[in-house]
PDB file of N, CA and C in Angstrom:
ATOM      1  N   MET A   1     -18.493 -28.172  20.892  1.00  0.00           N
ATOM      2  CA  MET A   1     -17.244 -27.907  20.178  1.00  0.00           C
ATOM      3  C   MET A   1     -16.233 -27.374  21.189  1.00  0.00           C
ATOM      4  N   ASN A   2     -15.059 -28.014  21.269  1.00  0.00           N
ATOM      5  CA  ASN A   2     -14.050 -27.557  22.221  1.00  0.00           C
ATOM      6  C   ASN A   2     -13.326 -26.318  21.661  1.00  0.00           C
ATOM      7  N   GLU A   3     -12.557 -25.655  22.529  1.00  0.00           N
ATOM      8  CA  GLU A   3     -11.909 -24.406  22.114  1.00  0.00           C
ATOM      9  C   GLU A   3     -10.908 -24.603  20.992  1.00  0.00           C
ATOM     10  N   THR A   4     -10.191 -25.712  20.974  1.00  0.00           N
ATOM     11  CA  THR A   4      -9.230 -25.950  19.896  1.00  0.00           C
ATOM     12  C   THR A   4      -9.951 -25.997  18.554  1.00  0.00           C
ATOM     13  N   SER A   5     -11.054 -26.719  18.485  1.00  0.00           N
ATOM     14  CA  SER A   5     -11.847 -26.784  17.251  1.00  0.00           C
ATOM     15  C   SER A   5     -12.442 -25.422  16.916  1.00  0.00           C
ATOM     16  N   LEU A   6     -12.875 -24.704  17.930  1.00  0.00           N
ATOM     17  CA  LEU A   6     -13.481 -23.395  17.727  1.00  0.00           C
ATOM     18  C   LEU A   6     -12.483 -22.433  17.084  1.00  0.00           C
ATOM     19  N   PHE A   7     -11.248 -22.410  17.576  1.00  0.00           N
ATOM     20  CA  PHE A   7     -10.238 -21.507  17.018  1.00  0.00           C
ATOM     21  C   PHE A   7      -9.776 -21.943  15.632  1.00  0.00           C
ATOM     22  N   ALA A   8      -9.913 -23.220  15.322  1.00  0.00           N
ATOM     23  CA  ALA A   8      -9.511 -23.718  14.008  1.00  0.00           C
ATOM     24  C   ALA A   8     -10.572 -23.434  12.944  1.00  0.00           C
ATOM     25  N   ARG A   9     -11.775 -23.073  13.358  1.00  0.00           N
ATOM     26  CA  ARG A   9     -12.868 -22.845  12.424  1.00  0.00           C
ATOM     27  C   ARG A   9     -12.729 -21.468  11.786  1.00  0.00           C
ATOM     28  N   ARG A  10     -12.680 -21.427  10.460  1.00  0.00           N
ATOM     29  CA  ARG A  10     -12.482 -20.183   9.720  1.00  0.00           C
ATOM     30  C   ARG A  10     -13.820 -19.639   9.225  1.00  0.00           C
ATOM     31  N   LEU A  11     -14.079 -18.375   9.475  1.00  0.00           N
ATOM     32  CA  LEU A  11     -15.279 -17.714   8.978  1.00  0.00           C
ATOM     33  C   LEU A  11     -14.988 -17.213   7.566  1.00  0.00           C
ATOM     34  N   SER A  12     -15.617 -17.819   6.577  1.00  0.00           N
ATOM     35  CA  SER A  12     -15.415 -17.412   5.184  1.00  0.00           C
ATOM     36  C   SER A  12     -16.282 -16.203   4.852  1.00  0.00           C
ATOM     37  N   TRP A  13     -16.005 -15.585   3.715  1.00  0.00           N
ATOM     38  CA  TRP A  13     -16.822 -14.469   3.252  1.00  0.00           C
ATOM     39  C   TRP A  13     -18.264 -14.925   3.028  1.00  0.00           C
ATOM     40  N   ASP A  14     -18.464 -16.101   2.451  1.00  0.00           N
ATOM     41  CA  ASP A  14     -19.827 -16.601   2.232  1.00  0.00           C
ATOM     42  C   ASP A  14     -20.560 -16.784   3.558  1.00  0.00           C
ATOM     43  N   ASP A  15     -19.874 -17.327   4.562  1.00  0.00           N
ATOM     44  CA  ASP A  15     -20.486 -17.469   5.882  1.00  0.00           C
ATOM     45  C   ASP A  15     -20.771 -16.094   6.493  1.00  0.00           C
ATOM     46  N   ALA A  16     -19.835 -15.169   6.343  1.00  0.00           N
ATOM     47  CA  ALA A  16     -20.009 -13.828   6.916  1.00  0.00           C
ATOM     48  C   ALA A  16     -21.246 -13.150   6.349  1.00  0.00           C
ATOM     49  N   ARG A  17     -21.496 -13.325   5.056  1.00  0.00           N
ATOM     50  CA  ARG A  17     -22.683 -12.700   4.452  1.00  0.00           C
ATOM     51  C   ARG A  17     -23.966 -13.231   5.079  1.00  0.00           C
ATOM     52  N   ALA A  18     -23.957 -14.466   5.555  1.00  0.00           N
ATOM     53  CA  ALA A  18     -25.129 -15.027   6.229  1.00  0.00           C
ATOM     54  C   ALA A  18     -25.367 -14.369   7.594  1.00  0.00           C
ATOM     55  N   PHE A  19     -24.371 -13.649   8.109  1.00  0.00           N
ATOM     56  CA  PHE A  19     -24.519 -12.941   9.383  1.00  0.00           C
ATOM     57  C   PHE A  19     -25.352 -11.662   9.234  1.00  0.00           C
ATOM     58  N   GLU A  20     -25.451 -11.117   8.022  1.00  0.00           N
ATOM     59  CA  GLU A  20     -26.148  -9.844   7.796  1.00  0.00           C
ATOM     60  C   GLU A  20     -27.542  -9.869   8.425  1.00  0.00           C
ATOM     61  N   ASN A  21     -27.809  -8.890   9.279  1.00  0.00           N
ATOM     62  CA  ASN A  21     -29.099  -8.694   9.969  1.00  0.00           C
ATOM     63  C   ASN A  21     -29.477  -9.824  10.924  1.00  0.00           C
ATOM     64  N   ALA A  22     -28.546 -10.700  11.258  1.00  0.00           N
ATOM     65  CA  ALA A  22     -28.849 -11.809  12.172  1.00  0.00           C
ATOM     66  C   ALA A  22     -28.748 -11.357  13.624  1.00  0.00           C
ATOM     67  N   GLU A  23     -29.401 -12.104  14.482  1.00  0.00           N
ATOM     68  CA  GLU A  23     -29.222 -11.965  15.922  1.00  0.00           C
ATOM     69  C   GLU A  23     -28.276 -13.081  16.335  1.00  0.00           C
ATOM     70  N   VAL A  24     -27.180 -12.725  16.987  1.00  0.00           N
ATOM     71  CA  VAL A  24     -26.186 -13.705  17.407  1.00  0.00           C
ATOM     72  C   VAL A  24     -25.964 -13.595  18.912  1.00  0.00           C
ATOM     73  N   GLY A  25     -25.453 -14.662  19.496  1.00  0.00           N
ATOM     74  CA  GLY A  25     -25.157 -14.652  20.920  1.00  0.00           C
ATOM     75  C   GLY A  25     -23.662 -14.528  21.153  1.00  0.00           C
ATOM     76  N   PHE A  26     -23.278 -13.712  22.126  1.00  0.00           N
ATOM     77  CA  PHE A  26     -21.888 -13.593  22.560  1.00  0.00           C
ATOM     78  C   PHE A  26     -21.749 -14.369  23.862  1.00  0.00           C
ATOM     79  N   TYR A  27     -20.755 -15.260  23.900  1.00  0.00           N
ATOM     80  CA  TYR A  27     -20.485 -16.101  25.068  1.00  0.00           C
ATOM     81  C   TYR A  27     -19.016 -15.958  25.435  1.00  0.00           C
ATOM     82  N   PRO A  28     -18.673 -16.105  26.706  1.00  0.00           N
ATOM     83  CA  PRO A  28     -17.248 -16.175  27.032  1.00  0.00           C
ATOM     84  C   PRO A  28     -16.696 -17.479  26.480  1.00  0.00           C
ATOM     85  N   LEU A  29     -15.406 -17.529  26.253  1.00  0.00           N
ATOM     86  CA  LEU A  29     -14.800 -18.780  25.802  1.00  0.00           C
ATOM     87  C   LEU A  29     -14.919 -19.818  26.902  1.00  0.00           C
ATOM     88  N   GLY A  30     -14.997 -21.053  26.511  1.00  0.00           N
ATOM     89  CA  GLY A  30     -15.150 -22.138  27.467  1.00  0.00           C
ATOM     90  C   GLY A  30     -16.476 -22.836  27.214  1.00  0.00           C
ATOM     91  N   GLU A  31     -16.470 -24.122  27.385  1.00  0.00           N
ATOM     92  CA  GLU A  31     -17.675 -24.905  27.134  1.00  0.00           C
ATOM     93  C   GLU A  31     -18.681 -24.707  28.263  1.00  0.00           C
ATOM     94  N   GLY A  32     -19.958 -24.714  27.906  1.00  0.00           N
ATOM     95  CA  GLY A  32     -21.015 -24.604  28.896  1.00  0.00           C
ATOM     96  C   GLY A  32     -21.162 -23.229  29.502  1.00  0.00           C
ATOM     97  N   SER A  33     -20.549 -22.210  28.905  1.00  0.00           N
ATOM     98  CA  SER A  33     -20.637 -20.861  29.448  1.00  0.00           C
ATOM     99  C   SER A  33     -21.996 -20.243  29.121  1.00  0.00           C
ATOM    100  N   ALA A  34     -22.474 -19.419  30.008  1.00  0.00           N
ATOM    101  CA  ALA A  34     -23.777 -18.777  29.838  1.00  0.00           C
ATOM    102  C   ALA A  34     -23.687 -17.595  28.864  1.00  0.00           C
ATOM    103  N   LEU A  35     -24.782 -17.337  28.185  1.00  0.00           N
ATOM    104  CA  LEU A  35     -24.883 -16.212  27.257  1.00  0.00           C
ATOM    105  C   LEU A  35     -24.545 -14.909  27.966  1.00  0.00           C
ATOM    106  N   LEU A  36     -23.624 -14.138  27.379  1.00  0.00           N
ATOM    107  CA  LEU A  36     -23.315 -12.806  27.899  1.00  0.00           C
ATOM    108  C   LEU A  36     -24.326 -11.796  27.398  1.00  0.00           C
ATOM    109  N   GLN A  37     -24.575 -11.847  26.057  1.00  0.00           N
ATOM    110  CA  GLN A  37     -25.435 -10.836  25.459  1.00  0.00           C
ATOM    111  C   GLN A  37     -25.841 -11.261  24.060  1.00  0.00           C
ATOM    112  N   ALA A  38     -27.074 -10.967  23.686  1.00  0.00           N
ATOM    113  CA  ALA A  38     -27.503 -11.112  22.292  1.00  0.00           C
ATOM    114  C   ALA A  38     -27.104  -9.825  21.571  1.00  0.00           C
ATOM    115  N   MET A  39     -26.620  -9.971  20.347  1.00  0.00           N
ATOM    116  CA  MET A  39     -26.185  -8.825  19.536  1.00  0.00           C
ATOM    117  C   MET A  39     -26.865  -8.894  18.175  1.00  0.00           C
ATOM    118  N   HIS A  40     -27.080  -7.727  17.595  1.00  0.00           N
ATOM    119  CA  HIS A  40     -27.629  -7.633  16.243  1.00  0.00           C
ATOM    120  C   HIS A  40     -26.487  -7.295  15.287  1.00  0.00           C
ATOM    121  N   VAL A  41     -26.421  -7.988  14.163  1.00  0.00           N
ATOM    122  CA  VAL A  41     -25.396  -7.694  13.164  1.00  0.00           C
ATOM    123  C   VAL A  41     -25.881  -6.515  12.327  1.00  0.00           C
ATOM    124  N   VAL A  42     -25.148  -5.422  12.397  1.00  0.00           N
ATOM    125  CA  VAL A  42     -25.498  -4.180  11.712  1.00  0.00           C
ATOM    126  C   VAL A  42     -25.038  -4.202  10.261  1.00  0.00           C
ATOM    127  N   SER A  43     -23.811  -4.687  10.037  1.00  0.00           N
ATOM    128  CA  SER A  43     -23.288  -4.699   8.668  1.00  0.00           C
ATOM    129  C   SER A  43     -22.223  -5.772   8.500  1.00  0.00           C
ATOM    130  N   VAL A  44     -22.133  -6.232   7.262  1.00  0.00           N
ATOM    131  CA  VAL A  44     -21.075  -7.143   6.841  1.00  0.00           C
ATOM    132  C   VAL A  44     -20.517  -6.518   5.573  1.00  0.00           C
ATOM    133  N   THR A  45     -19.248  -6.104   5.623  1.00  0.00           N
ATOM    134  CA  THR A  45     -18.677  -5.315   4.536  1.00  0.00           C
ATOM    135  C   THR A  45     -17.389  -5.932   4.021  1.00  0.00           C
ATOM    136  N   GLU A  46     -17.339  -6.141   2.715  1.00  0.00           N
ATOM    137  CA  GLU A  46     -16.099  -6.613   2.103  1.00  0.00           C
ATOM    138  C   GLU A  46     -15.198  -5.403   1.901  1.00  0.00           C
ATOM    139  N   ARG A  47     -13.944  -5.547   2.223  1.00  0.00           N
ATOM    140  CA  ARG A  47     -12.957  -4.471   2.093  1.00  0.00           C
ATOM    141  C   ARG A  47     -12.070  -4.743   0.889  1.00  0.00           C
ATOM    142  N   PRO A  48     -11.642  -3.691   0.189  1.00  0.00           N
ATOM    143  CA  PRO A  48     -10.693  -3.920  -0.913  1.00  0.00           C
ATOM    144  C   PRO A  48      -9.465  -4.654  -0.371  1.00  0.00           C
ATOM    145  N   ALA A  49      -9.066  -5.648  -1.087  1.00  0.00           N
ATOM    146  CA  ALA A  49      -7.962  -6.480  -0.601  1.00  0.00           C
ATOM    147  C   ALA A  49      -6.808  -6.469  -1.589  1.00  0.00           C
ATOM    148  N   VAL A  50      -5.680  -6.829  -1.077  1.00  0.00           N
ATOM    149  CA  VAL A  50      -4.520  -7.016  -1.940  1.00  0.00           C
ATOM    150  C   VAL A  50      -4.755  -8.284  -2.751  1.00  0.00           C
ATOM    151  N   PRO A  51      -4.125  -8.422  -3.896  1.00  0.00           N
ATOM    152  CA  PRO A  51      -4.311  -9.638  -4.687  1.00  0.00           C
ATOM    153  C   PRO A  51      -3.992 -10.885  -3.858  1.00  0.00           C
ATOM    154  N   GLY A  52      -4.858 -11.883  -3.963  1.00  0.00           N
ATOM    155  CA  GLY A  52      -4.642 -13.129  -3.245  1.00  0.00           C
ATOM    156  C   GLY A  52      -5.137 -13.125  -1.816  1.00  0.00           C
ATOM    157  N   ALA A  53      -5.841 -12.062  -1.405  1.00  0.00           N
ATOM    158  CA  ALA A  53      -6.369 -11.990  -0.039  1.00  0.00           C
ATOM    159  C   ALA A  53      -7.812 -11.502  -0.074  1.00  0.00           C
ATOM    160  N   GLN A  54      -8.553 -11.888   0.937  1.00  0.00           N
ATOM    161  CA  GLN A  54      -9.927 -11.417   1.076  1.00  0.00           C
ATOM    162  C   GLN A  54     -10.065 -10.789   2.451  1.00  0.00           C
ATOM    163  N   GLN A  55     -10.621  -9.576   2.493  1.00  0.00           N
ATOM    164  CA  GLN A  55     -10.786  -8.861   3.746  1.00  0.00           C
ATOM    165  C   GLN A  55     -12.244  -8.446   3.895  1.00  0.00           C
ATOM    166  N   PHE A  56     -12.746  -8.559   5.124  1.00  0.00           N
ATOM    167  CA  PHE A  56     -14.113  -8.121   5.393  1.00  0.00           C
ATOM    168  C   PHE A  56     -14.258  -7.824   6.876  1.00  0.00           C
ATOM    169  N   SER A  57     -15.340  -7.128   7.209  1.00  0.00           N
ATOM    170  CA  SER A  57     -15.601  -6.826   8.614  1.00  0.00           C
ATOM    171  C   SER A  57     -17.078  -7.043   8.913  1.00  0.00           C
ATOM    172  N   ILE A  58     -17.346  -7.281  10.197  1.00  0.00           N
ATOM    173  CA  ILE A  58     -18.715  -7.438  10.693  1.00  0.00           C
ATOM    174  C   ILE A  58     -18.868  -6.459  11.854  1.00  0.00           C
ATOM    175  N   VAL A  59     -19.964  -5.700  11.850  1.00  0.00           N
ATOM    176  CA  VAL A  59     -20.260  -4.785  12.953  1.00  0.00           C
ATOM    177  C   VAL A  59     -21.484  -5.320  13.699  1.00  0.00           C
ATOM    178  N   PHE A  60     -21.330  -5.455  15.017  1.00  0.00           N
ATOM    179  CA  PHE A  60     -22.375  -5.954  15.903  1.00  0.00           C
ATOM    180  C   PHE A  60     -22.869  -4.805  16.781  1.00  0.00           C
ATOM    181  N   ARG A  61     -24.160  -4.804  17.118  1.00  0.00           N
ATOM    182  CA  ARG A  61     -24.713  -3.793  18.029  1.00  0.00           C
ATOM    183  C   ARG A  61     -25.390  -4.484  19.199  1.00  0.00           C
ATOM    184  N   GLY A  62     -25.028  -4.007  20.388  1.00  0.00           N
ATOM    185  CA  GLY A  62     -25.638  -4.499  21.618  1.00  0.00           C
ATOM    186  C   GLY A  62     -26.044  -3.325  22.483  1.00  0.00           C
ATOM    187  N   PRO A  63     -26.579  -3.588  23.654  1.00  0.00           N
ATOM    188  CA  PRO A  63     -26.968  -2.498  24.548  1.00  0.00           C
ATOM    189  C   PRO A  63     -25.755  -1.674  24.988  1.00  0.00           C
ATOM    190  N   ARG A  64     -25.994  -0.462  25.400  1.00  0.00           N
ATOM    191  CA  ARG A  64     -24.904   0.414  25.846  1.00  0.00           C
ATOM    192  C   ARG A  64     -24.185  -0.194  27.046  1.00  0.00           C
ATOM    193  N   SER A  65     -24.953  -0.816  27.913  1.00  0.00           N
ATOM    194  CA  SER A  65     -24.363  -1.377  29.125  1.00  0.00           C
ATOM    195  C   SER A  65     -24.928  -2.779  29.338  1.00  0.00           C
ATOM    196  N   PRO A  66     -24.120  -3.748  29.652  1.00  0.00           N
ATOM    197  CA  PRO A  66     -22.689  -3.592  29.862  1.00  0.00           C
ATOM    198  C   PRO A  66     -21.953  -3.556  28.529  1.00  0.00           C
ATOM    199  N   ALA A  67     -20.896  -2.764  28.485  1.00  0.00           N
ATOM    200  CA  ALA A  67     -20.016  -2.732  27.311  1.00  0.00           C
ATOM    201  C   ALA A  67     -18.928  -3.772  27.549  1.00  0.00           C
ATOM    202  N   PHE A  68     -18.605  -4.523  26.527  1.00  0.00           N
ATOM    203  CA  PHE A  68     -17.626  -5.588  26.650  1.00  0.00           C
ATOM    204  C   PHE A  68     -16.261  -5.134  26.150  1.00  0.00           C
ATOM    205  N   PRO A  69     -15.186  -5.606  26.760  1.00  0.00           N
ATOM    206  CA  PRO A  69     -13.838  -5.211  26.339  1.00  0.00           C
ATOM    207  C   PRO A  69     -13.432  -5.900  25.036  1.00  0.00           C
ATOM    208  N   GLN A  70     -12.400  -5.354  24.420  1.00  0.00           N
ATOM    209  CA  GLN A  70     -11.816  -5.995  23.242  1.00  0.00           C
ATOM    210  C   GLN A  70     -11.258  -7.342  23.674  1.00  0.00           C
ATOM    211  N   GLN A  71     -11.758  -8.391  23.053  1.00  0.00           N
ATOM    212  CA  GLN A  71     -11.248  -9.732  23.294  1.00  0.00           C
ATOM    213  C   GLN A  71     -11.955 -10.701  22.373  1.00  0.00           C
ATOM    214  N   THR A  72     -11.579 -11.962  22.465  1.00  0.00           N
ATOM    215  CA  THR A  72     -12.191 -13.008  21.651  1.00  0.00           C
ATOM    216  C   THR A  72     -13.354 -13.617  22.417  1.00  0.00           C
ATOM    217  N   TYR A  73     -14.492 -13.735  21.712  1.00  0.00           N
ATOM    218  CA  TYR A  73     -15.704 -14.315  22.272  1.00  0.00           C
ATOM    219  C   TYR A  73     -16.137 -15.501  21.425  1.00  0.00           C
ATOM    220  N   ARG A  74     -16.913 -16.368  22.015  1.00  0.00           N
ATOM    221  CA  ARG A  74     -17.609 -17.405  21.259  1.00  0.00           C
ATOM    222  C   ARG A  74     -18.874 -16.732  20.738  1.00  0.00           C
ATOM    223  N   VAL A  75     -18.984 -16.640  19.404  1.00  0.00           N
ATOM    224  CA  VAL A  75     -20.140 -15.996  18.779  1.00  0.00           C
ATOM    225  C   VAL A  75     -20.963 -17.093  18.120  1.00  0.00           C
ATOM    226  N   ARG A  76     -22.233 -17.167  18.494  1.00  0.00           N
ATOM    227  CA  ARG A  76     -23.108 -18.238  18.003  1.00  0.00           C
ATOM    228  C   ARG A  76     -24.137 -17.685  17.027  1.00  0.00           C
ATOM    229  N   HIS A  77     -24.017 -18.132  15.778  1.00  0.00           N
ATOM    230  CA  HIS A  77     -24.999 -17.800  14.739  1.00  0.00           C
ATOM    231  C   HIS A  77     -26.093 -18.871  14.801  1.00  0.00           C
ATOM    232  N   PRO A  78     -27.377 -18.494  14.640  1.00  0.00           N
ATOM    233  CA  PRO A  78     -28.451 -19.476  14.820  1.00  0.00           C
ATOM    234  C   PRO A  78     -28.393 -20.684  13.881  1.00  0.00           C
ATOM    235  N   SER A  79     -27.869 -20.535  12.667  1.00  0.00           N
ATOM    236  CA  SER A  79     -27.807 -21.695  11.771  1.00  0.00           C
ATOM    237  C   SER A  79     -26.382 -22.147  11.450  1.00  0.00           C
ATOM    238  N   LEU A  80     -25.392 -21.264  11.566  1.00  0.00           N
ATOM    239  CA  LEU A  80     -24.010 -21.625  11.232  1.00  0.00           C
ATOM    240  C   LEU A  80     -23.232 -22.163  12.418  1.00  0.00           C
ATOM    241  N   GLY A  81     -23.715 -21.925  13.627  1.00  0.00           N
ATOM    242  CA  GLY A  81     -23.028 -22.425  14.807  1.00  0.00           C
ATOM    243  C   GLY A  81     -22.048 -21.431  15.400  1.00  0.00           C
ATOM    244  N   ASP A  82     -21.023 -21.958  16.079  1.00  0.00           N
ATOM    245  CA  ASP A  82     -20.101 -21.154  16.877  1.00  0.00           C
ATOM    246  C   ASP A  82     -18.799 -20.849  16.144  1.00  0.00           C
ATOM    247  N   TYR A  83     -18.304 -19.637  16.391  1.00  0.00           N
ATOM    248  CA  TYR A  83     -17.008 -19.178  15.891  1.00  0.00           C
ATOM    249  C   TYR A  83     -16.307 -18.441  17.023  1.00  0.00           C
ATOM    250  N   ALA A  84     -14.983 -18.494  17.055  1.00  0.00           N
ATOM    251  CA  ALA A  84     -14.187 -17.651  17.949  1.00  0.00           C
ATOM    252  C   ALA A  84     -13.908 -16.370  17.171  1.00  0.00           C
ATOM    253  N   ILE A  85     -14.426 -15.246  17.672  1.00  0.00           N
ATOM    254  CA  ILE A  85     -14.291 -13.977  16.954  1.00  0.00           C
ATOM    255  C   ILE A  85     -13.782 -12.918  17.914  1.00  0.00           C
ATOM    256  N   MET A  86     -12.713 -12.262  17.511  1.00  0.00           N
ATOM    257  CA  MET A  86     -12.150 -11.158  18.298  1.00  0.00           C
ATOM    258  C   MET A  86     -12.859  -9.878  17.885  1.00  0.00           C
ATOM    259  N   VAL A  87     -13.442  -9.187  18.857  1.00  0.00           N
ATOM    260  CA  VAL A  87     -14.165  -7.950  18.575  1.00  0.00           C
ATOM    261  C   VAL A  87     -13.570  -6.790  19.357  1.00  0.00           C
ATOM    262  N   THR A  88     -13.751  -5.605  18.780  1.00  0.00           N
ATOM    263  CA  THR A  88     -13.279  -4.369  19.387  1.00  0.00           C
ATOM    264  C   THR A  88     -14.449  -3.402  19.486  1.00  0.00           C
ATOM    265  N   PRO A  89     -14.682  -2.794  20.654  1.00  0.00           N
ATOM    266  CA  PRO A  89     -15.727  -1.765  20.716  1.00  0.00           C
ATOM    267  C   PRO A  89     -15.299  -0.578  19.849  1.00  0.00           C
ATOM    268  N   ILE A  90     -16.208  -0.083  19.011  1.00  0.00           N
ATOM    269  CA  ILE A  90     -15.847   1.012  18.106  1.00  0.00           C
ATOM    270  C   ILE A  90     -16.638   2.292  18.346  1.00  0.00           C
ATOM    271  N   ARG A  91     -17.819   2.209  18.944  1.00  0.00           N
ATOM    272  CA  ARG A  91     -18.569   3.431  19.245  1.00  0.00           C
ATOM    273  C   ARG A  91     -19.713   3.144  20.206  1.00  0.00           C
ATOM    274  N   GLN A  92     -20.097   4.213  20.919  1.00  0.00           N
ATOM    275  CA  GLN A  92     -21.269   4.140  21.789  1.00  0.00           C
ATOM    276  C   GLN A  92     -22.221   5.260  21.411  1.00  0.00           C
ATOM    277  N   THR A  93     -23.500   4.951  21.462  1.00  0.00           N
ATOM    278  CA  THR A  93     -24.540   5.954  21.299  1.00  0.00           C
ATOM    279  C   THR A  93     -25.277   6.036  22.632  1.00  0.00           C
ATOM    280  N   ALA A  94     -26.345   6.791  22.673  1.00  0.00           N
ATOM    281  CA  ALA A  94     -27.100   6.921  23.916  1.00  0.00           C
ATOM    282  C   ALA A  94     -27.665   5.589  24.392  1.00  0.00           C
ATOM    283  N   ASP A  95     -27.931   4.658  23.454  1.00  0.00           N
ATOM    284  CA  ASP A  95     -28.560   3.403  23.846  1.00  0.00           C
ATOM    285  C   ASP A  95     -27.860   2.133  23.357  1.00  0.00           C
ATOM    286  N   ALA A  96     -26.691   2.264  22.728  1.00  0.00           N
ATOM    287  CA  ALA A  96     -26.054   1.073  22.169  1.00  0.00           C
ATOM    288  C   ALA A  96     -24.531   1.175  22.196  1.00  0.00           C
ATOM    289  N   THR A  97     -23.901   0.008  22.143  1.00  0.00           N
ATOM    290  CA  THR A  97     -22.456  -0.095  21.916  1.00  0.00           C
ATOM    291  C   THR A  97     -22.275  -0.940  20.664  1.00  0.00           C
ATOM    292  N   GLU A  98     -21.392  -0.495  19.770  1.00  0.00           N
ATOM    293  CA  GLU A  98     -21.099  -1.252  18.553  1.00  0.00           C
ATOM    294  C   GLU A  98     -19.684  -1.806  18.628  1.00  0.00           C
ATOM    295  N   TYR A  99     -19.531  -3.000  18.061  1.00  0.00           N
ATOM    296  CA  TYR A  99     -18.266  -3.735  18.063  1.00  0.00           C
ATOM    297  C   TYR A  99     -17.954  -4.134  16.637  1.00  0.00           C
ATOM    298  N   GLU A 100     -16.670  -4.184  16.295  1.00  0.00           N
ATOM    299  CA  GLU A 100     -16.269  -4.602  14.969  1.00  0.00           C
ATOM    300  C   GLU A 100     -15.314  -5.780  15.056  1.00  0.00           C
ATOM    301  N   ALA A 101     -15.495  -6.701  14.127  1.00  0.00           N
ATOM    302  CA  ALA A 101     -14.575  -7.818  13.935  1.00  0.00           C
ATOM    303  C   ALA A 101     -14.038  -7.709  12.523  1.00  0.00           C
ATOM    304  N   CYS A 102     -12.713  -7.765  12.374  1.00  0.00           N
ATOM    305  CA  CYS A 102     -12.073  -7.657  11.061  1.00  0.00           C
ATOM    306  C   CYS A 102     -11.408  -8.986  10.706  1.00  0.00           C
ATOM    307  N   PHE A 103     -11.511  -9.354   9.429  1.00  0.00           N
ATOM    308  CA  PHE A 103     -11.001 -10.631   8.955  1.00  0.00           C
ATOM    309  C   PHE A 103     -10.143 -10.409   7.735  1.00  0.00           C
ATOM    310  N   ALA A 104      -9.064 -11.175   7.596  1.00  0.00           N
ATOM    311  CA  ALA A 104      -8.213 -11.158   6.416  1.00  0.00           C
ATOM    312  C   ALA A 104      -7.761 -12.592   6.178  1.00  0.00           C
ATOM    313  N   HIS A 105      -8.074 -13.101   4.989  1.00  0.00           N
ATOM    314  CA  HIS A 105      -7.732 -14.475   4.642  1.00  0.00           C
ATOM    315  C   HIS A 105      -6.950 -14.483   3.338  1.00  0.00           C
ATOM    316  N   VAL A 106      -5.935 -15.296   3.284  1.00  0.00           N
ATOM    317  CA  VAL A 106      -5.231 -15.523   2.028  1.00  0.00           C
ATOM    318  C   VAL A 106      -6.099 -16.447   1.198  1.00  0.00           C
ATOM    319  N   ALA A 107      -6.335 -16.036  -0.041  1.00  0.00           N
ATOM    320  CA  ALA A 107      -7.242 -16.829  -0.895  1.00  0.00           C
ATOM    321  C   ALA A 107      -6.597 -18.110  -1.358  1.00  0.00           C
TER     322      ALA A 107
END
């Protein structure tokens, strides 16, 4: 899947729920790029939304180091495939770094 197709692919709430407790791969953007890190999905949470919109977030957990900067990554779900997802580091513990991706879609 080329980057144009990747960015055009929308992660729906139904797809996001399939991420719960999954192991996903984080890759840099670009075809044929090597795996940066495997991440565990900690939570998938629907947020109260304004009428006509759907909001949700996904929290990923990876090792403390290396910690990745806020940016868009190619995230590969084992059965749903690849999505371009912008993540932000939100916390570090003694052994992990957590990242959050937030989504808002007009229904």
